[in-house]
Amino acid sequence: MNKLLVALSVLVLWPLSLRGDGVAQFDTATGEGFVPKSVIQVAFDLSNGQLKRVSDSVSFAFAEKDTLVVNCRNGQTLEAFVEFGSNVGSTLAFSKGQFVGFDLTGFVDPEWVKDPPPADSFCPGGTFGQISEKRFTLSAVLANESIVILGGGITP
């Protein structure tokens, strides 16, 4: 029983411990995650006091660019790119009364297509379209400046 309680407490407390490691976490499927204040301070070259003053003005944006490979009826293979994105909701995050960063609460008004367009929209008689790579960025936005704070790619 004690081992079960220890295991459960580790599972509950583990996500909270990630908040202090200075690395942004982001789920590209839900738009949820956490951005430590240190990441924003470095990105915009802000002191702790400056960040506290402008923290309500920081916002986040997500962008994804997928590479779609299409086989055409004439034997030609095309690569097409599908881009989409969304604003990401956020709230200020506190731990023990101290401002520690931003909780990302999910996508807001996503402007994207969940599935790739049909292959025949890229070439007449297109027979097959498959996403070969997904590249994404998460950007922090402050005033007129947008800085990528996290990015990467996957091959599905």
Protein backbone atom coordinates (compact mmCIF):
# COMPACT_ATOMS: atom_id res chain seq x y z
CA MET A 1 0.00 0.00 0.00
CA ASN A 2 2.83 2.44 0.85
CA LYS A 3 4.49 1.77 -2.52
CA LEU A 4 1.19 2.57 -4.26
CA LEU A 5 0.87 5.88 -2.37
CA VAL A 6 4.45 6.80 -3.22
CA ALA A 7 3.90 5.94 -6.88
CA LEU A 8 0.68 7.96 -7.02
CA SER A 9 2.27 10.96 -5.33
CA VAL A 10 5.16 10.84 -7.82
CA LEU A 11 2.67 10.82 -10.71
CA VAL A 12 0.78 13.77 -9.24
CA LEU A 13 3.86 15.83 -8.35
CA TRP A 14 6.01 14.99 -11.40
CA PRO A 15 4.32 17.50 -13.77
CA LEU A 16 4.76 20.22 -11.14
CA SER A 17 8.47 19.45 -10.88
CA LEU A 18 8.86 20.03 -14.62
CA ARG A 19 7.91 23.66 -14.11
CA GLY A 20 11.26 24.47 -12.58
CA ASP A 21 13.51 23.02 -15.26
CA GLY A 22 13.47 26.08 -17.55
CA VAL A 23 12.16 24.18 -20.58
CA ALA A 24 8.87 24.84 -22.33
CA GLN A 25 6.51 21.89 -22.67
CA PHE A 26 3.86 21.84 -25.38
CA ASP A 27 1.37 19.26 -26.65
CA THR A 28 0.87 19.82 -30.40
CA ALA A 29 -2.41 17.87 -30.33
CA THR A 30 -4.15 19.92 -27.61
CA GLY A 31 -2.22 23.19 -27.39
CA GLU A 32 -1.67 22.68 -23.66
CA GLY A 33 1.61 23.03 -21.83
CA PHE A 34 3.80 25.28 -19.75
CA VAL A 35 6.33 28.02 -20.54
CA PRO A 36 8.66 29.01 -17.68
CA LYS A 37 9.11 32.75 -17.12
CA SER A 38 12.87 32.33 -17.69
CA VAL A 39 12.22 31.31 -21.31
CA ILE A 40 10.27 34.54 -21.91
CA GLN A 41 12.85 36.65 -20.05
CA VAL A 42 15.66 35.32 -22.25
CA ALA A 43 13.62 35.54 -25.47
CA PHE A 44 12.72 39.21 -24.98
CA ASP A 45 15.75 40.21 -22.87
CA LEU A 46 13.61 41.22 -19.89
CA SER A 47 14.50 41.51 -16.22
CA ASN A 48 12.28 39.85 -13.64
CA GLY A 49 10.60 43.19 -12.86
CA GLN A 50 10.05 44.03 -16.53
CA LEU A 51 8.44 40.64 -17.15
CA LYS A 52 6.13 41.06 -14.16
CA ARG A 53 4.96 44.42 -15.59
CA VAL A 54 4.23 43.05 -19.07
CA SER A 55 3.23 39.46 -18.22
CA ASP A 56 -0.44 40.11 -19.04
CA SER A 57 0.60 41.26 -22.53
CA VAL A 58 2.48 38.08 -23.49
CA SER A 59 0.58 35.79 -25.85
CA PHE A 60 1.40 32.59 -27.72
CA ALA A 61 0.93 31.33 -31.27
CA PHE A 62 1.31 27.89 -32.86
CA ALA A 63 2.12 27.17 -36.51
CA GLU A 64 2.49 23.88 -38.33
CA LYS A 65 3.71 23.16 -41.85
CA ASP A 66 3.10 19.65 -43.17
CA THR A 67 4.82 18.19 -46.19
CA LEU A 68 2.36 16.15 -48.25
CA VAL A 69 3.61 13.67 -50.85
CA VAL A 70 1.13 13.07 -53.69
CA ASN A 71 1.31 10.36 -56.38
CA CYS A 72 -0.28 11.58 -59.59
CA ARG A 73 -1.95 9.41 -62.23
CA ASN A 74 0.71 10.40 -64.79
CA GLY A 75 3.43 8.88 -62.58
CA GLN A 76 4.66 12.21 -61.27
CA THR A 77 5.22 12.60 -57.53
CA LEU A 78 4.62 16.04 -56.05
CA GLU A 79 5.41 17.52 -52.67
CA ALA A 80 2.90 20.02 -51.41
CA PHE A 81 2.89 22.02 -48.22
CA VAL A 82 -0.10 22.55 -45.97
CA GLU A 83 0.22 25.32 -43.38
CA PHE A 84 -2.04 26.13 -40.50
CA GLY A 85 -1.94 27.64 -37.06
CA SER A 86 -3.72 28.94 -34.02
CA ASN A 87 -3.40 31.30 -31.13
CA VAL A 88 -2.76 29.45 -27.87
CA GLY A 89 -4.61 30.44 -24.71
CA SER A 90 -2.57 31.08 -21.58
CA THR A 91 -2.88 32.02 -17.94
CA LEU A 92 -0.24 33.21 -15.52
CA ALA A 93 1.15 30.35 -13.43
CA PHE A 94 2.06 30.71 -9.77
CA SER A 95 3.78 28.39 -7.33
CA LYS A 96 3.89 29.20 -3.60
CA GLY A 97 2.67 32.71 -4.41
CA GLN A 98 5.47 33.39 -6.91
CA PHE A 99 4.98 33.99 -10.65
CA VAL A 100 6.70 31.04 -12.37
CA GLY A 101 5.50 31.22 -15.98
CA PHE A 102 2.57 30.63 -18.25
CA ASP A 103 0.16 27.69 -18.34
CA LEU A 104 -0.87 27.07 -21.94
CA THR A 105 -4.59 26.25 -21.93
CA GLY A 106 -5.18 25.05 -25.50
CA PHE A 107 -5.79 26.22 -29.03
CA VAL A 108 -7.99 29.30 -29.56
CA ASP A 109 -9.81 29.58 -32.89
CA PRO A 110 -7.55 27.20 -34.82
CA GLU A 111 -7.25 28.02 -38.50
CA TRP A 112 -6.36 24.61 -39.83
CA VAL A 113 -7.56 21.54 -41.58
CA LYS A 114 -7.33 18.41 -39.44
CA ASP A 115 -6.91 16.13 -42.47
CA PRO A 116 -4.75 16.78 -45.54
CA PRO A 117 -6.58 17.93 -48.67
CA PRO A 118 -7.51 15.28 -51.22
CA ALA A 119 -4.68 14.21 -53.54
CA ASP A 120 -6.61 15.24 -56.67
CA SER A 121 -6.63 18.84 -55.46
CA PHE A 122 -2.88 18.92 -56.15
CA CYS A 123 -2.80 17.12 -59.49
CA PRO A 124 -5.52 15.78 -61.81
CA GLY A 125 -6.15 12.16 -60.98
CA GLY A 126 -4.04 12.27 -57.84
CA THR A 127 -4.30 8.86 -56.28
CA PHE A 128 -2.54 9.09 -52.95
CA GLY A 129 -1.56 11.78 -50.52
CA GLN A 130 0.48 11.11 -47.42
CA ILE A 131 1.99 13.50 -44.88
CA SER A 132 5.71 12.77 -44.83
CA GLU A 133 6.79 15.41 -42.29
CA LYS A 134 5.25 17.78 -39.75
CA ARG A 135 7.18 20.87 -38.61
CA PHE A 136 5.89 23.14 -35.87
CA THR A 137 6.77 26.27 -33.95
CA LEU A 138 5.47 27.78 -30.74
CA SER A 139 6.08 31.52 -30.57
CA ALA A 140 5.76 34.04 -27.78
CA VAL A 141 4.36 37.41 -28.83
CA LEU A 142 4.96 40.69 -27.02
CA ALA A 143 3.97 44.01 -28.58
CA ASN A 144 5.08 43.80 -32.24
CA GLU A 145 7.73 41.14 -31.65
CA SER A 146 7.26 37.41 -32.11
CA ILE A 147 9.99 34.97 -31.06
CA VAL A 148 10.02 31.20 -31.60
CA ILE A 149 10.51 29.54 -28.23
CA LEU A 150 9.95 25.92 -29.22
CA GLY A 151 9.99 24.06 -32.51
CA GLY A 152 10.63 20.76 -34.11
CA GLY A 153 9.47 18.18 -36.53
CA ILE A 154 8.23 14.63 -36.72
CA THR A 155 7.83 12.05 -39.42
CA PRO A 156 4.49 10.27 -38.93
